[in-house]
């Protein structure tokens, strides 16, 4: 079983998403946050569940689509997955500072 670790950036992303949604509905903000954590549990058993991120084309950088969001993760080792960021699918990935710094998009 793989360990799924949430990076500070990914946690910040979720907090910002929840804050934005909660302006209209605290209930739906909580539901969306739960969905993020629920869907990533599959990575504990199937680390290649998500597709390869097309902009990066690296087998170790993958994503799970959850609604309008891309949950992007890295396969660090056979036993560890790092959730890198949660990114809105309507925005270009190149606008995400994590990817500009790390992958030079």
PDB file of N, CA and C in Angstrom:
ATOM      1  N   UNK A   1       0.845  -1.184   0.000  1.00  0.00           N
ATOM      2  CA  UNK A   1       0.000   0.000   0.000  1.00  0.00           C
ATOM      3  C   UNK A   1       0.885   1.240   0.000  1.00  0.00           C
ATOM      4  N   UNK A   2       0.555   2.181  -0.895  1.00  0.00           N
ATOM      5  CA  UNK A   2       1.311   3.422  -0.997  1.00  0.00           C
ATOM      6  C   UNK A   2       0.822   4.438   0.029  1.00  0.00           C
ATOM      7  N   UNK A   3       1.739   5.281   0.460  1.00  0.00           N
ATOM      8  CA  UNK A   3       1.398   6.395   1.339  1.00  0.00           C
ATOM      9  C   UNK A   3       1.115   7.603   0.446  1.00  0.00           C
ATOM     10  N   UNK A   4      -0.026   8.243   0.655  1.00  0.00           N
ATOM     11  CA  UNK A   4      -0.380   9.445  -0.089  1.00  0.00           C
ATOM     12  C   UNK A   4      -0.103  10.642   0.814  1.00  0.00           C
ATOM     13  N   UNK A   5       0.818  11.492   0.362  1.00  0.00           N
ATOM     14  CA  UNK A   5       1.203  12.673   1.141  1.00  0.00           C
ATOM     15  C   UNK A   5       0.736  13.923   0.395  1.00  0.00           C
ATOM     16  N   UNK A   6       0.059  14.801   1.104  1.00  0.00           N
ATOM     17  CA  UNK A   6      -0.414  16.063   0.528  1.00  0.00           C
ATOM     18  C   UNK A   6       0.642  17.130   0.772  1.00  0.00           C
ATOM     19  N   UNK A   7       1.134  17.756  -0.285  1.00  0.00           N
ATOM     20  CA  UNK A   7       2.111  18.829  -0.131  1.00  0.00           C
ATOM     21  C   UNK A   7       1.419  20.070   0.436  1.00  0.00           C
ATOM     22  N   UNK A   8       2.210  20.981   0.967  1.00  0.00           N
ATOM     23  CA  UNK A   8       1.663  22.243   1.469  1.00  0.00           C
ATOM     24  C   UNK A   8       0.905  22.983   0.368  1.00  0.00           C
ATOM     25  N   UNK A   9       1.460  22.954  -0.841  1.00  0.00           N
ATOM     26  CA  UNK A   9       0.814  23.633  -1.969  1.00  0.00           C
ATOM     27  C   UNK A   9      -0.577  23.049  -2.237  1.00  0.00           C
ATOM     28  N   UNK A  10      -0.692  21.730  -2.241  1.00  0.00           N
ATOM     29  CA  UNK A  10      -1.980  21.092  -2.505  1.00  0.00           C
ATOM     30  C   UNK A  10      -3.001  21.419  -1.420  1.00  0.00           C
ATOM     31  N   UNK A  11      -2.563  21.432  -0.173  1.00  0.00           N
ATOM     32  CA  UNK A  11      -3.458  21.794   0.937  1.00  0.00           C
ATOM     33  C   UNK A  11      -3.891  23.251   0.803  1.00  0.00           C
ATOM     34  N   UNK A  12      -2.968  24.133   0.459  1.00  0.00           N
ATOM     35  CA  UNK A  12      -3.311  25.539   0.229  1.00  0.00           C
ATOM     36  C   UNK A  12      -4.322  25.675  -0.905  1.00  0.00           C
ATOM     37  N   UNK A  13      -4.119  24.909  -1.970  1.00  0.00           N
ATOM     38  CA  UNK A  13      -5.055  24.939  -3.102  1.00  0.00           C
ATOM     39  C   UNK A  13      -6.466  24.575  -2.650  1.00  0.00           C
ATOM     40  N   UNK A  14      -6.568  23.501  -1.873  1.00  0.00           N
ATOM     41  CA  UNK A  14      -7.882  23.055  -1.398  1.00  0.00           C
ATOM     42  C   UNK A  14      -8.510  24.102  -0.484  1.00  0.00           C
ATOM     43  N   UNK A  15      -7.718  24.695   0.376  1.00  0.00           N
ATOM     44  CA  UNK A  15      -8.247  25.745   1.261  1.00  0.00           C
ATOM     45  C   UNK A  15      -8.772  26.925   0.451  1.00  0.00           C
ATOM     46  N   UNK A  16      -8.048  27.323  -0.586  1.00  0.00           N
ATOM     47  CA  UNK A  16      -8.488  28.433  -1.434  1.00  0.00           C
ATOM     48  C   UNK A  16      -9.758  28.084  -2.204  1.00  0.00           C
ATOM     49  N   UNK A  17      -9.833  26.865  -2.702  1.00  0.00           N
ATOM     50  CA  UNK A  17     -11.029  26.413  -3.413  1.00  0.00           C
ATOM     51  C   UNK A  17     -12.223  26.416  -2.465  1.00  0.00           C
ATOM     52  N   UNK A  18     -12.037  25.878  -1.280  1.00  0.00           N
ATOM     53  CA  UNK A  18     -13.126  25.827  -0.292  1.00  0.00           C
ATOM     54  C   UNK A  18     -13.580  27.231   0.093  1.00  0.00           C
ATOM     55  N   UNK A  19     -12.625  28.127   0.266  1.00  0.00           N
ATOM     56  CA  UNK A  19     -12.965  29.504   0.623  1.00  0.00           C
ATOM     57  C   UNK A  19     -13.795  30.160  -0.483  1.00  0.00           C
ATOM     58  N   UNK A  20     -13.408  29.930  -1.730  1.00  0.00           N
ATOM     59  CA  UNK A  20     -14.135  30.504  -2.860  1.00  0.00           C
ATOM     60  C   UNK A  20     -15.557  29.941  -2.938  1.00  0.00           C
ATOM     61  N   UNK A  21     -15.693  28.617  -2.849  1.00  0.00           N
ATOM     62  CA  UNK A  21     -17.011  27.984  -2.937  1.00  0.00           C
ATOM     63  C   UNK A  21     -17.890  28.396  -1.763  1.00  0.00           C
ATOM     64  N   UNK A  22     -17.297  28.536  -0.586  1.00  0.00           N
ATOM     65  CA  UNK A  22     -18.078  28.845   0.619  1.00  0.00           C
ATOM     66  C   UNK A  22     -18.715  30.237   0.571  1.00  0.00           C
ATOM     67  N   UNK A  23     -18.245  31.090  -0.331  1.00  0.00           N
ATOM     68  CA  UNK A  23     -18.896  32.397  -0.489  1.00  0.00           C
ATOM     69  C   UNK A  23     -20.347  32.219  -0.928  1.00  0.00           C
ATOM     70  N   UNK A  24     -20.608  31.131  -1.652  1.00  0.00           N
ATOM     71  CA  UNK A  24     -21.977  30.804  -2.077  1.00  0.00           C
ATOM     72  C   UNK A  24     -22.614  29.746  -1.193  1.00  0.00           C
ATOM     73  N   UNK A  25     -21.795  28.765  -0.746  1.00  0.00           N
ATOM     74  CA  UNK A  25     -22.358  27.669   0.032  1.00  0.00           C
ATOM     75  C   UNK A  25     -21.275  26.947   0.831  1.00  0.00           C
ATOM     76  N   UNK A  26     -21.357  27.059   2.138  1.00  0.00           N
ATOM     77  CA  UNK A  26     -20.427  26.348   3.015  1.00  0.00           C
ATOM     78  C   UNK A  26     -20.631  24.840   2.850  1.00  0.00           C
ATOM     79  N   UNK A  27     -21.875  24.441   2.699  1.00  0.00           N
ATOM     80  CA  UNK A  27     -22.196  23.015   2.544  1.00  0.00           C
ATOM     81  C   UNK A  27     -21.476  22.428   1.323  1.00  0.00           C
ATOM     82  N   UNK A  28     -21.564  23.092   0.178  1.00  0.00           N
ATOM     83  CA  UNK A  28     -20.942  22.564  -1.032  1.00  0.00           C
ATOM     84  C   UNK A  28     -19.419  22.678  -0.998  1.00  0.00           C
ATOM     85  N   UNK A  29     -18.908  23.634  -0.281  1.00  0.00           N
ATOM     86  CA  UNK A  29     -17.455  23.721  -0.104  1.00  0.00           C
ATOM     87  C   UNK A  29     -16.957  22.482   0.638  1.00  0.00           C
ATOM     88  N   UNK A  30     -17.661  22.092   1.690  1.00  0.00           N
ATOM     89  CA  UNK A  30     -17.283  20.893   2.460  1.00  0.00           C
ATOM     90  C   UNK A  30     -17.401  19.639   1.605  1.00  0.00           C
ATOM     91  N   UNK A  31     -18.464  19.570   0.802  1.00  0.00           N
ATOM     92  CA  UNK A  31     -18.656  18.409  -0.076  1.00  0.00           C
ATOM     93  C   UNK A  31     -17.501  18.302  -1.069  1.00  0.00           C
ATOM     94  N   UNK A  32     -17.104  19.420  -1.668  1.00  0.00           N
ATOM     95  CA  UNK A  32     -16.019  19.397  -2.649  1.00  0.00           C
ATOM     96  C   UNK A  32     -14.699  18.969  -2.013  1.00  0.00           C
ATOM     97  N   UNK A  33     -14.399  19.475  -0.848  1.00  0.00           N
ATOM     98  CA  UNK A  33     -13.166  19.092  -0.154  1.00  0.00           C
ATOM     99  C   UNK A  33     -13.176  17.588   0.133  1.00  0.00           C
ATOM    100  N   UNK A  34     -14.291  17.081   0.585  1.00  0.00           N
ATOM    101  CA  UNK A  34     -14.409  15.632   0.853  1.00  0.00           C
ATOM    102  C   UNK A  34     -14.158  14.833  -0.418  1.00  0.00           C
ATOM    103  N   UNK A  35     -14.683  15.295  -1.530  1.00  0.00           N
ATOM    104  CA  UNK A  35     -14.486  14.600  -2.810  1.00  0.00           C
ATOM    105  C   UNK A  35     -13.002  14.509  -3.171  1.00  0.00           C
ATOM    106  N   UNK A  36     -12.260  15.588  -2.943  1.00  0.00           N
ATOM    107  CA  UNK A  36     -10.826  15.564  -3.248  1.00  0.00           C
ATOM    108  C   UNK A  36     -10.127  14.459  -2.458  1.00  0.00           C
ATOM    109  N   UNK A  37     -10.399  14.402  -1.172  1.00  0.00           N
ATOM    110  CA  UNK A  37      -9.730  13.408  -0.334  1.00  0.00           C
ATOM    111  C   UNK A  37     -10.227  11.989  -0.621  1.00  0.00           C
ATOM    112  N   UNK A  38     -11.511  11.856  -0.895  1.00  0.00           N
ATOM    113  CA  UNK A  38     -12.070  10.527  -1.176  1.00  0.00           C
ATOM    114  C   UNK A  38     -11.486   9.921  -2.450  1.00  0.00           C
ATOM    115  N   UNK A  39     -11.447  10.691  -3.525  1.00  0.00           N
ATOM    116  CA  UNK A  39     -10.995  10.135  -4.803  1.00  0.00           C
ATOM    117  C   UNK A  39      -9.515   9.778  -4.783  1.00  0.00           C
ATOM    118  N   UNK A  40      -8.726  10.483  -3.998  1.00  0.00           N
ATOM    119  CA  UNK A  40      -7.289  10.182  -3.978  1.00  0.00           C
ATOM    120  C   UNK A  40      -6.958   8.937  -3.149  1.00  0.00           C
ATOM    121  N   UNK A  41      -7.909   8.433  -2.399  1.00  0.00           N
ATOM    122  CA  UNK A  41      -7.652   7.205  -1.626  1.00  0.00           C
ATOM    123  C   UNK A  41      -7.330   6.014  -2.527  1.00  0.00           C
ATOM    124  N   UNK A  42      -7.842   6.029  -3.747  1.00  0.00           N
ATOM    125  CA  UNK A  42      -7.559   4.928  -4.667  1.00  0.00           C
ATOM    126  C   UNK A  42      -6.066   4.820  -4.964  1.00  0.00           C
ATOM    127  N   UNK A  43      -5.341   5.932  -4.828  1.00  0.00           N
ATOM    128  CA  UNK A  43      -3.902   5.920  -5.103  1.00  0.00           C
ATOM    129  C   UNK A  43      -3.123   5.068  -4.117  1.00  0.00           C
ATOM    130  N   UNK A  44      -3.707   4.803  -2.960  1.00  0.00           N
ATOM    131  CA  UNK A  44      -3.041   3.937  -1.982  1.00  0.00           C
ATOM    132  C   UNK A  44      -2.859   2.534  -2.530  1.00  0.00           C
ATOM    133  N   UNK A  45      -3.734   2.125  -3.452  1.00  0.00           N
ATOM    134  CA  UNK A  45      -3.668   0.770  -4.014  1.00  0.00           C
ATOM    135  C   UNK A  45      -3.308   0.756  -5.495  1.00  0.00           C
ATOM    136  N   UNK A  46      -3.631   1.852  -6.195  1.00  0.00           N
ATOM    137  CA  UNK A  46      -3.376   1.916  -7.635  1.00  0.00           C
ATOM    138  C   UNK A  46      -2.722   3.247  -7.978  1.00  0.00           C
ATOM    139  N   UNK A  47      -1.404   3.317  -7.839  1.00  0.00           N
ATOM    140  CA  UNK A  47      -0.728   4.602  -7.999  1.00  0.00           C
ATOM    141  C   UNK A  47      -0.739   5.127  -9.438  1.00  0.00           C
ATOM    142  N   UNK A  48      -1.038   4.285 -10.394  1.00  0.00           N
ATOM    143  CA  UNK A  48      -1.120   4.731 -11.788  1.00  0.00           C
ATOM    144  C   UNK A  48      -2.573   4.847 -12.245  1.00  0.00           C
ATOM    145  N   UNK A  49      -3.461   5.068 -11.305  1.00  0.00           N
ATOM    146  CA  UNK A  49      -4.886   5.211 -11.609  1.00  0.00           C
ATOM    147  C   UNK A  49      -5.129   6.402 -12.537  1.00  0.00           C
ATOM    148  N   UNK A  50      -4.458   7.500 -12.286  1.00  0.00           N
ATOM    149  CA  UNK A  50      -4.654   8.716 -13.083  1.00  0.00           C
ATOM    150  C   UNK A  50      -3.892   8.654 -14.390  1.00  0.00           C
ATOM    151  N   UNK A  51      -4.262   9.580 -15.276  1.00  0.00           N
ATOM    152  CA  UNK A  51      -3.574   9.643 -16.568  1.00  0.00           C
ATOM    153  C   UNK A  51      -2.311  10.489 -16.446  1.00  0.00           C
ATOM    154  N   UNK A  52      -1.405  10.316 -17.385  1.00  0.00           N
ATOM    155  CA  UNK A  52      -0.202  11.136 -17.458  1.00  0.00           C
ATOM    156  C   UNK A  52      -0.629  12.563 -17.790  1.00  0.00           C
ATOM    157  N   UNK A  53      -0.044  13.543 -17.113  1.00  0.00           N
ATOM    158  CA  UNK A  53      -0.356  14.950 -17.388  1.00  0.00           C
ATOM    159  C   UNK A  53       0.193  15.275 -18.780  1.00  0.00           C
ATOM    160  N   UNK A  54      -0.696  15.607 -19.735  1.00  0.00           N
ATOM    161  CA  UNK A  54      -0.240  15.802 -21.123  1.00  0.00           C
ATOM    162  C   UNK A  54       0.800  16.904 -21.300  1.00  0.00           C
ATOM    163  N   UNK A  55       0.717  17.977 -20.529  1.00  0.00           N
ATOM    164  CA  UNK A  55       1.663  19.082 -20.682  1.00  0.00           C
ATOM    165  C   UNK A  55       3.079  18.704 -20.258  1.00  0.00           C
ATOM    166  N   UNK A  56       3.202  17.650 -19.470  1.00  0.00           N
ATOM    167  CA  UNK A  56       4.518  17.277 -18.937  1.00  0.00           C
ATOM    168  C   UNK A  56       5.027  15.991 -19.581  1.00  0.00           C
ATOM    169  N   UNK A  57       4.115  15.068 -19.866  1.00  0.00           N
ATOM    170  CA  UNK A  57       4.445  13.804 -20.532  1.00  0.00           C
ATOM    171  C   UNK A  57       5.532  13.020 -19.795  1.00  0.00           C
ATOM    172  N   UNK A  58       5.314  12.860 -18.488  1.00  0.00           N
ATOM    173  CA  UNK A  58       6.233  12.107 -17.637  1.00  0.00           C
ATOM    174  C   UNK A  58       5.389  11.062 -16.907  1.00  0.00           C
ATOM    175  N   UNK A  59       5.753   9.802 -17.022  1.00  0.00           N
ATOM    176  CA  UNK A  59       4.975   8.711 -16.441  1.00  0.00           C
ATOM    177  C   UNK A  59       4.791   8.844 -14.929  1.00  0.00           C
ATOM    178  N   UNK A  60       5.654   9.588 -14.264  1.00  0.00           N
ATOM    179  CA  UNK A  60       5.565   9.731 -12.808  1.00  0.00           C
ATOM    180  C   UNK A  60       4.719  10.929 -12.370  1.00  0.00           C
ATOM    181  N   UNK A  61       4.334  11.794 -13.312  1.00  0.00           N
ATOM    182  CA  UNK A  61       3.481  12.938 -13.006  1.00  0.00           C
ATOM    183  C   UNK A  61       2.116  12.663 -13.633  1.00  0.00           C
ATOM    184  N   UNK A  62       1.122  12.462 -12.777  1.00  0.00           N
ATOM    185  CA  UNK A  62      -0.195  12.036 -13.236  1.00  0.00           C
ATOM    186  C   UNK A  62      -1.282  12.912 -12.632  1.00  0.00           C
ATOM    187  N   UNK A  63      -2.488  12.721 -13.133  1.00  0.00           N
ATOM    188  CA  UNK A  63      -3.599  13.506 -12.621  1.00  0.00           C
ATOM    189  C   UNK A  63      -4.878  12.685 -12.570  1.00  0.00           C
ATOM    190  N   UNK A  64      -5.703  13.056 -11.618  1.00  0.00           N
ATOM    191  CA  UNK A  64      -7.054  12.531 -11.512  1.00  0.00           C
ATOM    192  C   UNK A  64      -7.978  13.725 -11.726  1.00  0.00           C
ATOM    193  N   UNK A  65      -8.955  13.558 -12.584  1.00  0.00           N
ATOM    194  CA  UNK A  65      -9.936  14.617 -12.813  1.00  0.00           C
ATOM    195  C   UNK A  65     -11.083  14.399 -11.833  1.00  0.00           C
ATOM    196  N   UNK A  66     -11.406  15.452 -11.091  1.00  0.00           N
ATOM    197  CA  UNK A  66     -12.535  15.393 -10.151  1.00  0.00           C
ATOM    198  C   UNK A  66     -13.369  16.645 -10.398  1.00  0.00           C
ATOM    199  N   UNK A  67     -14.462  16.474 -11.112  1.00  0.00           N
ATOM    200  CA  UNK A  67     -15.293  17.618 -11.458  1.00  0.00           C
ATOM    201  C   UNK A  67     -14.511  18.576 -12.352  1.00  0.00           C
ATOM    202  N   UNK A  68     -14.405  19.828 -11.938  1.00  0.00           N
ATOM    203  CA  UNK A  68     -13.678  20.840 -12.703  1.00  0.00           C
ATOM    204  C   UNK A  68     -12.217  20.958 -12.295  1.00  0.00           C
ATOM    205  N   UNK A  69     -11.733  20.020 -11.535  1.00  0.00           N
ATOM    206  CA  UNK A  69     -10.380  20.138 -10.979  1.00  0.00           C
ATOM    207  C   UNK A  69      -9.477  18.996 -11.420  1.00  0.00           C
ATOM    208  N   UNK A  70      -8.206  19.328 -11.544  1.00  0.00           N
ATOM    209  CA  UNK A  70      -7.160  18.360 -11.845  1.00  0.00           C
ATOM    210  C   UNK A  70      -6.349  18.170 -10.566  1.00  0.00           C
ATOM    211  N   UNK A  71      -6.365  16.979 -10.028  1.00  0.00           N
ATOM    212  CA  UNK A  71      -5.560  16.651  -8.846  1.00  0.00           C
ATOM    213  C   UNK A  71      -4.283  16.040  -9.390  1.00  0.00           C
ATOM    214  N   UNK A  72      -3.199  16.783  -9.302  1.00  0.00           N
ATOM    215  CA  UNK A  72      -1.952  16.371  -9.935  1.00  0.00           C
ATOM    216  C   UNK A  72      -1.019  15.807  -8.873  1.00  0.00           C
ATOM    217  N   UNK A  73      -0.480  14.628  -9.182  1.00  0.00           N
ATOM    218  CA  UNK A  73       0.372  13.940  -8.209  1.00  0.00           C
ATOM    219  C   UNK A  73       1.618  13.382  -8.864  1.00  0.00           C
ATOM    220  N   UNK A  74       2.589  13.081  -8.009  1.00  0.00           N
ATOM    221  CA  UNK A  74       3.864  12.512  -8.443  1.00  0.00           C
ATOM    222  C   UNK A  74       4.049  11.153  -7.767  1.00  0.00           C
ATOM    223  N   UNK A  75       4.449  10.183  -8.554  1.00  0.00           N
ATOM    224  CA  UNK A  75       4.835   8.887  -7.990  1.00  0.00           C
ATOM    225  C   UNK A  75       6.295   9.039  -7.565  1.00  0.00           C
ATOM    226  N   UNK A  76       6.516   9.157  -6.270  1.00  0.00           N
ATOM    227  CA  UNK A  76       7.861   9.387  -5.728  1.00  0.00           C
ATOM    228  C   UNK A  76       8.639   8.082  -5.677  1.00  0.00           C
ATOM    229  N   UNK A  77       7.969   7.033  -5.240  1.00  0.00           N
ATOM    230  CA  UNK A  77       8.586   5.706  -5.150  1.00  0.00           C
ATOM    231  C   UNK A  77       7.476   4.671  -5.197  1.00  0.00           C
ATOM    232  N   UNK A  78       7.856   3.420  -5.055  1.00  0.00           N
ATOM    233  CA  UNK A  78       6.847   2.358  -5.034  1.00  0.00           C
ATOM    234  C   UNK A  78       5.928   2.470  -3.828  1.00  0.00           C
ATOM    235  N   UNK A  79       6.339   3.236  -2.828  1.00  0.00           N
ATOM    236  CA  UNK A  79       5.562   3.336  -1.596  1.00  0.00           C
ATOM    237  C   UNK A  79       5.044   4.736  -1.291  1.00  0.00           C
ATOM    238  N   UNK A  80       5.325   5.720  -2.147  1.00  0.00           N
ATOM    239  CA  UNK A  80       4.899   7.082  -1.816  1.00  0.00           C
ATOM    240  C   UNK A  80       4.384   7.841  -3.031  1.00  0.00           C
ATOM    241  N   UNK A  81       3.261   8.511  -2.817  1.00  0.00           N
ATOM    242  CA  UNK A  81       2.639   9.402  -3.785  1.00  0.00           C
ATOM    243  C   UNK A  81       2.571  10.787  -3.142  1.00  0.00           C
ATOM    244  N   UNK A  82       2.956  11.826  -3.863  1.00  0.00           N
ATOM    245  CA  UNK A  82       2.804  13.200  -3.385  1.00  0.00           C
ATOM    246  C   UNK A  82       1.756  13.903  -4.236  1.00  0.00           C
ATOM    247  N   UNK A  83       0.718  14.420  -3.587  1.00  0.00           N
ATOM    248  CA  UNK A  83      -0.246  15.258  -4.286  1.00  0.00           C
ATOM    249  C   UNK A  83       0.415  16.623  -4.404  1.00  0.00           C
ATOM    250  N   UNK A  84       0.654  17.070  -5.630  1.00  0.00           N
ATOM    251  CA  UNK A  84       1.411  18.294  -5.869  1.00  0.00           C
ATOM    252  C   UNK A  84       0.513  19.527  -5.807  1.00  0.00           C
ATOM    253  N   UNK A  85      -0.615  19.455  -6.506  1.00  0.00           N
ATOM    254  CA  UNK A  85      -1.490  20.618  -6.591  1.00  0.00           C
ATOM    255  C   UNK A  85      -2.887  20.187  -6.995  1.00  0.00           C
ATOM    256  N   UNK A  86      -3.859  21.046  -6.720  1.00  0.00           N
ATOM    257  CA  UNK A  86      -5.229  20.873  -7.197  1.00  0.00           C
ATOM    258  C   UNK A  86      -5.505  22.112  -8.033  1.00  0.00           C
ATOM    259  N   UNK A  87      -5.751  21.894  -9.314  1.00  0.00           N
ATOM    260  CA  UNK A  87      -5.769  22.985 -10.289  1.00  0.00           C
ATOM    261  C   UNK A  87      -7.094  22.990 -11.041  1.00  0.00           C
ATOM    262  N   UNK A  88      -7.710  24.165 -11.186  1.00  0.00           N
ATOM    263  CA  UNK A  88      -8.969  24.263 -11.933  1.00  0.00           C
ATOM    264  C   UNK A  88      -8.702  23.976 -13.409  1.00  0.00           C
ATOM    265  N   UNK A  89      -9.523  23.127 -14.011  1.00  0.00           N
ATOM    266  CA  UNK A  89      -9.268  22.655 -15.371  1.00  0.00           C
ATOM    267  C   UNK A  89      -9.442  23.737 -16.440  1.00  0.00           C
ATOM    268  N   UNK A  90     -10.111  24.817 -16.143  1.00  0.00           N
ATOM    269  CA  UNK A  90     -10.277  25.887 -17.137  1.00  0.00           C
ATOM    270  C   UNK A  90      -9.051  26.794 -17.228  1.00  0.00           C
ATOM    271  N   UNK A  91      -8.174  26.696 -16.273  1.00  0.00           N
ATOM    272  CA  UNK A  91      -6.968  27.513 -16.281  1.00  0.00           C
ATOM    273  C   UNK A  91      -5.821  26.719 -16.919  1.00  0.00           C
ATOM    274  N   UNK A  92      -4.952  27.415 -17.585  1.00  0.00           N
ATOM    275  CA  UNK A  92      -3.779  26.777 -18.165  1.00  0.00           C
ATOM    276  C   UNK A  92      -2.858  26.309 -17.046  1.00  0.00           C
ATOM    277  N   UNK A  93      -2.324  25.118 -17.180  1.00  0.00           N
ATOM    278  CA  UNK A  93      -1.414  24.602 -16.166  1.00  0.00           C
ATOM    279  C   UNK A  93      -0.172  25.485 -16.053  1.00  0.00           C
ATOM    280  N   UNK A  94       0.197  26.112 -17.138  1.00  0.00           N
ATOM    281  CA  UNK A  94       1.378  26.986 -17.117  1.00  0.00           C
ATOM    282  C   UNK A  94       1.188  28.204 -16.207  1.00  0.00           C
ATOM    283  N   UNK A  95      -0.068  28.490 -15.823  1.00  0.00           N
ATOM    284  CA  UNK A  95      -0.315  29.599 -14.895  1.00  0.00           C
ATOM    285  C   UNK A  95      -0.078  29.199 -13.441  1.00  0.00           C
ATOM    286  N   UNK A  96       0.129  27.922 -13.192  1.00  0.00           N
ATOM    287  CA  UNK A  96       0.352  27.428 -11.838  1.00  0.00           C
ATOM    288  C   UNK A  96       1.833  27.593 -11.483  1.00  0.00           C
ATOM    289  N   UNK A  97       2.136  28.365 -10.444  1.00  0.00           N
ATOM    290  CA  UNK A  97       3.550  28.623 -10.103  1.00  0.00           C
ATOM    291  C   UNK A  97       4.354  27.371  -9.780  1.00  0.00           C
ATOM    292  N   UNK A  98       3.713  26.331  -9.264  1.00  0.00           N
ATOM    293  CA  UNK A  98       4.417  25.082  -8.956  1.00  0.00           C
ATOM    294  C   UNK A  98       5.014  24.496 -10.227  1.00  0.00           C
ATOM    295  N   UNK A  99       4.252  24.518 -11.285  1.00  0.00           N
ATOM    296  CA  UNK A  99       4.724  23.903 -12.520  1.00  0.00           C
ATOM    297  C   UNK A  99       5.670  24.804 -13.286  1.00  0.00           C
ATOM    298  N   UNK A 100       5.498  26.090 -13.183  1.00  0.00           N
ATOM    299  CA  UNK A 100       6.462  26.993 -13.825  1.00  0.00           C
ATOM    300  C   UNK A 100       7.844  26.824 -13.211  1.00  0.00           C
ATOM    301  N   UNK A 101       7.882  26.707 -11.890  1.00  0.00           N
ATOM    302  CA  UNK A 101       9.159  26.591 -11.187  1.00  0.00           C
ATOM    303  C   UNK A 101       9.789  25.209 -11.394  1.00  0.00           C
ATOM    304  N   UNK A 102       8.971  24.173 -11.287  1.00  0.00           N
ATOM    305  CA  UNK A 102       9.511  22.819 -11.275  1.00  0.00           C
ATOM    306  C   UNK A 102       9.687  22.216 -12.664  1.00  0.00           C
ATOM    307  N   UNK A 103       8.781  22.534 -13.573  1.00  0.00           N
ATOM    308  CA  UNK A 103       8.783  21.861 -14.880  1.00  0.00           C
ATOM    309  C   UNK A 103       9.021  22.809 -16.054  1.00  0.00           C
ATOM    310  N   UNK A 104       9.162  24.099 -15.771  1.00  0.00           N
ATOM    311  CA  UNK A 104       9.474  25.090 -16.786  1.00  0.00           C
ATOM    312  C   UNK A 104       8.478  25.048 -17.939  1.00  0.00           C
ATOM    313  N   UNK A 105       7.186  25.162 -17.611  1.00  0.00           N
ATOM    314  CA  UNK A 105       6.135  25.159 -18.647  1.00  0.00           C
ATOM    315  C   UNK A 105       6.048  26.504 -19.329  1.00  0.00           C
TER     316      UNK A 105
END
